[in-house]
Protein backbone atom coordinates (compact mmCIF):
# COMPACT_ATOMS: atom_id res chain seq x y z
CA UNK A 1 0.07 0.22 -0.14
CA UNK A 2 2.75 2.09 0.83
CA UNK A 3 4.39 1.65 -2.99
CA UNK A 4 1.42 2.47 -4.34
CA UNK A 5 0.91 5.80 -2.52
CA UNK A 6 4.37 6.76 -3.06
CA UNK A 7 3.66 5.73 -6.88
CA UNK A 8 0.07 7.78 -6.91
CA UNK A 9 1.87 11.01 -5.48
CA UNK A 10 4.63 11.06 -8.16
CA UNK A 11 2.49 12.83 -10.97
CA UNK A 12 5.02 15.30 -11.82
CA UNK A 13 7.24 14.99 -15.33
CA UNK A 14 10.94 14.42 -14.20
CA UNK A 15 13.59 17.12 -14.21
CA UNK A 16 16.51 16.70 -16.55
CA UNK A 17 18.69 16.39 -13.29
CA UNK A 18 16.28 13.35 -12.33
CA UNK A 19 16.98 11.80 -15.68
CA UNK A 20 20.88 12.54 -15.65
CA UNK A 21 21.05 11.04 -12.06
CA UNK A 22 19.07 8.26 -13.31
CA UNK A 23 21.55 7.58 -16.08
CA UNK A 24 24.48 7.71 -13.59
CA UNK A 25 22.94 4.92 -11.95
CA UNK A 26 22.75 2.67 -14.89
CA UNK A 27 18.91 3.13 -14.62
CA UNK A 28 18.22 3.78 -18.52
CA UNK A 29 15.36 2.80 -21.17
CA UNK A 30 16.16 -0.24 -22.74
CA UNK A 31 14.57 -2.84 -24.89
CA UNK A 32 16.31 -5.86 -25.11
CA UNK A 33 14.34 -6.70 -28.68
CA UNK A 34 16.40 -3.63 -30.24
CA UNK A 35 19.45 -5.39 -29.04
CA UNK A 36 18.23 -8.96 -30.63
CA UNK A 37 16.94 -7.12 -33.99
CA UNK A 38 20.43 -5.49 -34.38
CA UNK A 39 22.10 -8.65 -34.04
CA UNK A 40 20.02 -10.75 -36.11
CA UNK A 41 20.10 -7.93 -38.91
CA UNK A 42 23.82 -7.71 -38.57
CA UNK A 43 23.86 -11.82 -38.78
CA UNK A 44 21.46 -11.71 -42.01
CA UNK A 45 23.77 -9.04 -43.53
CA UNK A 46 27.04 -10.90 -42.73
CA UNK A 47 25.53 -14.03 -44.43
CA UNK A 48 24.64 -12.56 -47.58
CA UNK A 49 27.47 -10.59 -48.02
CA UNK A 50 30.43 -12.63 -46.60
CA UNK A 51 29.31 -16.12 -46.79
CA UNK A 52 31.23 -16.71 -49.76
CA UNK A 53 34.50 -15.24 -49.08
CA UNK A 54 34.31 -17.07 -45.45
CA UNK A 55 33.57 -20.30 -47.18
CA UNK A 56 36.38 -19.94 -49.30
CA UNK A 57 38.83 -18.78 -46.60
CA UNK A 58 38.02 -21.77 -44.76
CA UNK A 59 37.84 -24.28 -47.52
CA UNK A 60 41.27 -23.70 -49.09
CA UNK A 61 43.39 -24.55 -45.96
CA UNK A 62 40.86 -27.56 -45.09
CA UNK A 63 41.43 -28.59 -49.19
CA UNK A 64 45.19 -28.09 -48.44
CA UNK A 65 45.34 -29.84 -45.63
CA UNK A 66 43.36 -33.01 -47.07
CA UNK A 67 45.99 -32.73 -50.21
CA UNK A 68 49.02 -32.70 -48.53
CA UNK A 69 48.16 -34.75 -45.27
CA UNK A 70 51.28 -36.83 -45.90
CA UNK A 71 53.74 -34.07 -45.25
CA UNK A 72 51.90 -33.81 -41.50
CA UNK A 73 54.17 -34.31 -38.93
CA UNK A 74 52.33 -36.15 -36.14
CA UNK A 75 54.86 -35.17 -33.47
CA UNK A 76 53.92 -32.53 -30.86
CA UNK A 77 55.35 -29.25 -32.14
CA UNK A 78 54.05 -30.28 -35.61
CA UNK A 79 50.71 -30.79 -34.51
CA UNK A 80 50.67 -27.57 -32.76
CA UNK A 81 51.95 -25.62 -35.69
CA UNK A 82 49.07 -27.54 -37.61
CA UNK A 83 46.61 -26.31 -34.99
CA UNK A 84 48.06 -22.59 -35.27
CA UNK A 85 47.64 -21.94 -38.74
CA UNK A 86 44.19 -23.77 -39.12
CA UNK A 87 43.58 -20.90 -36.05
CA UNK A 88 44.94 -18.34 -37.97
CA UNK A 89 43.03 -19.22 -41.15
CA UNK A 90 39.73 -19.34 -39.59
CA UNK A 91 40.50 -16.13 -37.53
CA UNK A 92 41.09 -14.36 -40.91
CA UNK A 93 37.84 -15.54 -42.41
CA UNK A 94 35.68 -14.87 -39.25
CA UNK A 95 37.58 -11.65 -38.24
CA UNK A 96 35.42 -8.94 -40.16
CA UNK A 97 31.86 -10.94 -39.88
CA UNK A 98 32.69 -11.14 -35.77
CA UNK A 99 33.65 -7.47 -36.03
CA UNK A 100 30.66 -6.30 -37.63
CA UNK A 101 28.43 -8.78 -35.47
CA UNK A 102 29.91 -7.01 -32.29
CA UNK A 103 29.17 -3.49 -33.87
CA UNK A 104 25.64 -4.33 -34.42
CA UNK A 105 25.57 -5.49 -30.94
CA UNK A 106 27.01 -2.07 -29.50
CA UNK A 107 24.88 -0.13 -31.92
CA UNK A 108 22.03 -1.80 -30.37
CA UNK A 109 22.64 -0.08 -27.32
CA UNK A 110 23.77 3.55 -28.44
CA UNK A 111 20.38 3.79 -30.30
CA UNK A 112 18.66 3.58 -27.02
CA UNK A 113 20.81 5.64 -24.51
CA UNK A 114 24.11 7.27 -24.43
CA UNK A 115 26.82 5.13 -22.99
CA UNK A 116 26.61 4.05 -19.53
CA UNK A 117 29.57 3.48 -16.97
CA UNK A 118 28.06 2.58 -13.61
CA UNK A 119 28.51 -0.16 -10.99
CA UNK A 120 25.18 0.46 -9.60
CA UNK A 121 23.94 -2.76 -10.88
CA UNK A 122 26.79 -4.82 -9.29
CA UNK A 123 25.74 -3.41 -5.59
CA UNK A 124 24.16 -6.07 -3.80
CA UNK A 125 20.14 -5.29 -2.93
CA UNK A 126 17.81 -6.80 -0.42
CA UNK A 127 14.91 -5.99 -2.70
CA UNK A 128 16.69 -8.81 -5.07
CA UNK A 129 15.93 -11.36 -3.00
CA UNK A 130 12.65 -10.01 -1.54
CA UNK A 131 9.52 -12.07 -2.18
CA UNK A 132 7.25 -9.20 -3.04
CA UNK A 133 9.59 -7.81 -5.13
CA UNK A 134 9.93 -11.15 -6.58
CA UNK A 135 6.29 -11.70 -7.06
CA UNK A 136 6.03 -8.22 -8.59
CA UNK A 137 8.51 -9.24 -11.17
CA UNK A 138 6.58 -12.38 -11.99
CA UNK A 139 2.82 -11.02 -11.96
CA UNK A 140 3.53 -7.51 -12.80
CA UNK A 141 2.87 -5.22 -15.51
CA UNK A 142 6.14 -6.22 -16.92
CA UNK A 143 5.81 -9.62 -17.01
CA UNK A 144 2.48 -9.51 -18.62
CA UNK A 145 4.21 -7.38 -21.13
CA UNK A 146 6.86 -10.14 -21.75
CA UNK A 147 4.45 -12.82 -22.10
CA UNK A 148 2.15 -11.09 -24.38
CA UNK A 149 5.37 -10.11 -26.60
CA UNK A 150 6.83 -13.73 -26.30
CA UNK A 151 3.59 -15.40 -27.39
CA UNK A 152 3.36 -12.64 -30.51
CA UNK A 153 6.80 -13.26 -31.45
CA UNK A 154 5.89 -17.25 -31.75
CA UNK A 155 3.06 -16.89 -33.23
CA UNK A 156 4.37 -14.34 -35.76
CA UNK A 157 7.36 -16.18 -36.49
CA UNK A 158 5.70 -19.51 -37.02
CA UNK A 159 3.65 -17.66 -39.71
CA UNK A 160 6.57 -15.91 -41.39
CA UNK A 161 8.39 -19.09 -41.62
CA UNK A 162 5.32 -21.19 -42.67
CA UNK A 163 4.73 -18.50 -45.66
CA UNK A 164 8.21 -18.71 -47.04
CA UNK A 165 9.17 -22.29 -46.59
CA UNK A 166 5.52 -23.75 -47.52
CA UNK A 167 6.15 -22.89 -51.31
CA UNK A 168 9.67 -24.40 -51.14
CA UNK A 169 8.44 -27.92 -49.47
CA UNK A 170 9.01 -30.05 -52.80
CA UNK A 171 12.02 -28.23 -53.34
CA UNK A 172 13.37 -29.13 -49.46
CA UNK A 173 12.42 -32.83 -50.17
CA UNK A 174 14.97 -33.18 -52.79
CA UNK A 175 17.48 -31.04 -51.48
CA UNK A 176 19.18 -34.16 -50.11
CA UNK A 177 19.98 -35.43 -53.61
CA UNK A 178 22.21 -32.02 -54.00
CA UNK A 179 25.48 -32.08 -54.99
CA UNK A 180 27.56 -30.95 -51.72
CA UNK A 181 29.01 -28.12 -54.09
CA UNK A 182 25.40 -26.97 -54.90
CA UNK A 183 23.87 -27.58 -51.26
CA UNK A 184 25.58 -24.47 -49.68
CA UNK A 185 24.36 -22.06 -52.06
CA UNK A 186 21.02 -23.12 -52.23
CA UNK A 187 20.57 -23.47 -48.62
CA UNK A 188 22.16 -19.92 -48.33
CA UNK A 189 20.02 -18.00 -50.22
CA UNK A 190 16.89 -19.68 -48.45
CA UNK A 191 18.28 -18.83 -45.14
CA UNK A 192 19.19 -15.15 -46.19
CA UNK A 193 15.65 -14.80 -47.84
CA UNK A 194 14.13 -16.43 -44.23
CA UNK A 195 16.12 -14.26 -42.13
CA UNK A 196 15.01 -11.01 -43.80
CA UNK A 197 11.37 -11.65 -43.35
CA UNK A 198 12.12 -12.37 -39.94
CA UNK A 199 13.95 -9.32 -39.51
CA UNK A 200 11.14 -7.06 -40.97
CA UNK A 201 8.84 -9.01 -38.49
CA UNK A 202 10.95 -8.32 -35.42
CA UNK A 203 11.73 -4.73 -36.66
CA UNK A 204 7.54 -4.02 -35.45
CA UNK A 205 8.17 -5.79 -32.20
CA UNK A 206 11.36 -4.16 -31.47
CA UNK A 207 9.73 -0.43 -31.95
CA UNK A 208 6.72 -1.62 -29.71
CA UNK A 209 8.95 -3.00 -27.00
CA UNK A 210 11.09 -0.06 -27.01
CA UNK A 211 8.04 2.44 -26.69
CA UNK A 212 6.67 0.48 -24.07
CA UNK A 213 10.23 0.20 -22.06
CA UNK A 214 10.43 4.30 -22.48
CA UNK A 215 7.09 4.57 -20.99
CA UNK A 216 7.64 2.23 -18.21
CA UNK A 217 11.15 3.91 -17.30
CA UNK A 218 9.59 7.31 -17.44
CA UNK A 219 6.96 6.97 -15.37
CA UNK A 220 9.36 5.32 -12.98
CA UNK A 221 11.08 8.52 -12.88
CA UNK A 222 8.17 10.80 -12.36
CA UNK A 223 8.64 12.67 -9.25
CA UNK A 224 6.05 13.92 -6.60
CA UNK A 225 6.06 17.79 -5.39
CA UNK A 226 7.94 17.34 -2.25
CA UNK A 227 11.05 15.83 -4.24
CA UNK A 228 10.43 18.68 -6.81
CA UNK A 229 10.61 21.04 -3.90
CA UNK A 230 14.06 18.99 -2.26
CA UNK A 231 15.54 19.05 -5.86
CA UNK A 232 15.03 22.67 -6.47
CA UNK A 233 16.46 23.14 -2.63
CA UNK A 234 19.59 21.43 -3.47
CA UNK A 235 20.15 22.96 -7.11
CA UNK A 236 19.17 26.56 -6.40
CA UNK A 237 20.31 26.38 -2.53
CA UNK A 238 17.94 26.47 0.50
CA UNK A 239 16.19 29.58 0.51
CA UNK A 240 17.34 30.13 4.49
CA UNK A 241 20.84 29.97 3.19
CA UNK A 242 20.55 31.99 0.43
CA UNK A 243 18.61 34.82 2.57
CA UNK A 244 21.60 34.59 5.05
CA UNK A 245 24.14 35.10 2.16
CA UNK A 246 22.28 38.23 0.79
CA UNK A 247 22.34 39.99 4.21
CA UNK A 248 26.07 39.12 4.38
CA UNK A 249 26.43 40.72 0.87
CA UNK A 250 24.19 43.69 1.80
CA UNK A 251 26.36 44.03 5.02
CA UNK A 252 29.65 44.21 3.40
CA UNK A 253 28.27 46.39 0.89
CA UNK A 254 27.04 48.75 3.38
CA UNK A 255 30.23 48.73 5.34
CA UNK A 256 32.07 49.42 1.75
CA UNK A 257 30.12 52.17 1.12
CA UNK A 258 30.21 53.97 4.80
CA UNK A 259 33.90 53.34 4.05
CA UNK A 260 33.74 55.49 1.05
CA UNK A 261 31.56 58.52 2.07
CA UNK A 262 34.75 60.04 3.30
CA UNK A 263 35.80 60.27 -0.11
CA UNK A 264 33.06 61.76 -1.74
CA UNK A 265 32.78 65.45 -2.84
CA UNK A 266 29.11 66.04 -2.52
CA UNK A 267 26.17 64.68 -0.79
CA UNK A 268 23.03 65.06 -2.67
CA UNK A 269 19.80 64.31 -0.36
CA UNK A 270 16.24 64.42 0.59
CA UNK A 271 16.13 65.66 3.89
CA UNK A 272 14.06 62.80 5.15
CA UNK A 273 14.63 59.86 3.03
CA UNK A 274 17.53 59.77 0.23
CA UNK A 275 21.18 60.17 0.19
CA UNK A 276 23.44 59.98 -2.82
CA UNK A 277 27.37 60.56 -2.08
CA UNK A 278 29.18 61.47 -5.53
CA UNK A 279 32.75 61.79 -6.10
CA UNK A 280 34.34 64.14 -8.74
CA UNK A 281 38.05 65.30 -9.46
CA UNK A 282 39.32 66.97 -12.53
CA UNK A 283 39.77 64.70 -15.48
CA UNK A 284 37.09 62.51 -14.78
CA UNK A 285 34.42 62.11 -17.61
CA UNK A 286 31.59 62.17 -15.12
CA UNK A 287 31.31 62.21 -11.16
CA UNK A 288 30.82 58.59 -9.69
CA UNK A 289 28.46 57.55 -7.02
CA UNK A 290 30.34 55.93 -4.36
CA UNK A 291 27.33 55.43 -1.84
CA UNK A 292 23.54 55.61 -1.73
CA UNK A 293 20.71 54.59 0.75
CA UNK A 294 17.12 55.29 2.21
CA UNK A 295 16.00 56.14 5.51
CA UNK A 296 18.82 54.57 8.29
CA UNK A 297 21.16 54.29 5.97
CA UNK A 298 20.77 58.06 4.16
CA UNK A 299 21.02 59.23 7.83
CA UNK A 300 24.39 57.31 8.34
CA UNK A 301 25.84 58.83 4.92
CA UNK A 302 24.52 62.28 6.15
CA UNK A 303 26.25 61.60 9.50
CA UNK A 304 29.68 60.59 8.14
CA UNK A 305 29.63 63.60 5.69
CA UNK A 306 29.18 65.76 8.55
CA UNK A 307 31.79 64.39 10.75
CA UNK A 308 34.27 64.77 7.63
CA UNK A 309 32.94 67.96 6.23
CA UNK A 310 31.23 66.69 3.22
CA UNK A 311 29.05 69.17 1.74
CA UNK A 312 25.48 68.12 1.98
CA UNK A 313 23.21 69.71 -0.65
CA UNK A 314 19.37 69.28 -0.56
CA UNK A 315 17.70 68.33 -4.04
CA UNK A 316 14.53 66.44 -3.72
CA UNK A 317 14.04 65.26 -7.37
CA UNK A 318 17.91 64.73 -8.05
CA UNK A 319 18.24 62.59 -5.44
CA UNK A 320 15.21 60.62 -5.95
CA UNK A 321 16.47 60.48 -9.60
CA UNK A 322 20.20 59.43 -9.08
CA UNK A 323 19.22 56.85 -6.37
CA UNK A 324 16.75 55.08 -8.95
CA UNK A 325 19.06 55.27 -11.95
CA UNK A 326 22.89 54.98 -10.57
CA UNK A 327 24.62 52.13 -9.17
CA UNK A 328 27.23 51.97 -6.75
CA UNK A 329 30.56 52.91 -8.37
CA UNK A 330 29.09 53.71 -11.71
CA UNK A 331 29.05 57.11 -13.52
CA UNK A 332 25.77 59.25 -13.40
CA UNK A 333 23.71 58.98 -16.30
CA UNK A 334 23.91 61.61 -19.02
CA UNK A 335 20.34 63.23 -18.69
CA UNK A 336 21.78 64.25 -14.84
CA UNK A 337 25.05 65.98 -15.96
CA UNK A 338 23.64 69.39 -16.29
CA UNK A 339 22.02 69.37 -12.58
CA UNK A 340 25.01 67.46 -11.00
CA UNK A 341 27.32 69.78 -12.70
CA UNK A 342 25.68 73.07 -11.24
CA UNK A 343 25.83 71.38 -7.86
CA UNK A 344 29.88 70.56 -7.99
CA UNK A 345 30.41 73.54 -9.30
CA UNK A 346 28.69 75.38 -6.74
CA UNK A 347 30.59 73.15 -4.17
CA UNK A 348 33.89 73.86 -5.64
CA UNK A 349 33.34 77.26 -5.45
CA UNK A 350 32.49 77.42 -1.94
CA UNK A 351 35.72 75.56 -1.31
CA UNK A 352 37.78 78.08 -3.03
CA UNK A 353 36.10 80.78 -1.14
CA UNK A 354 37.10 79.31 2.16
CA UNK A 355 40.30 78.42 0.81
CA UNK A 356 40.81 82.25 -0.04
CA UNK A 357 39.34 83.36 3.49
CA UNK A 358 41.76 81.14 5.28
CA UNK A 359 44.47 82.42 3.17
């Protein structure tokens, strides 16, 4: 019952991370029928293409063996050399066909999923010896699908073989009277014809089985809402941790801003809410915003400015506009050049006047 409830809760399509994790565990959508089809199709191709060369490659060494049998040494080294030469001849004749069959077997996996390197399936699991899990495998949906698939294959293969072999029944009766040299050609052609029909029939079975296996695998990867939330926390970070990090970043930024206020040229402020600290020196293309803030931070900026004799100029619309449009350590926007230039010119004029009086 618990398993059923867990399955019923998994209503959300899996995320890409979930699918990647499944692939990393070796849990992939895989149909054995696809592998079988590729191997049989590869065998059919090998038989139709290389049967003559393979037969010739094996026939010639055997013919030479029979023709020169009187020259064979019956001692140990002679028999060993004979076995080696026959082995090399067989390997040379069957090497390319076996390589093609191996490539067909590998291709059967590659067309279904990318390469998997995982030892997860080798780990011991109690579920593999569980009676409940075993009963589920025997009587579950997968077992029923395998039984139906096997029954269909038997019936379909029987029908295909009957349809092909029945017209050849009289020829098969007389095949025992064929000359051995002609026997191979006759049986090879009939076998290739039969295998071609089997490959065509198994293609339908393989495609249907893969779609079924993929659907079953996709259903197993589905997630509950709680799993979606947990994955989001893992990938994006816990909201509480993110909030704490944001607070730390804001605290560091505030500390850096307050340290930059004494270097400011002027503080443009709205007396109750906004403060923007600007720095300007001759040769700069435009003034820089070194600090800004509202409410308590604005009040703190003004306090530091007063402690270091930084001019404070009240300009409500300009303070609001600069706070909204300029970032820390960035130049002020072009549209505020004229208003800020007037204020900085005014401040510099005050500084020159104060310098003159002191002199």
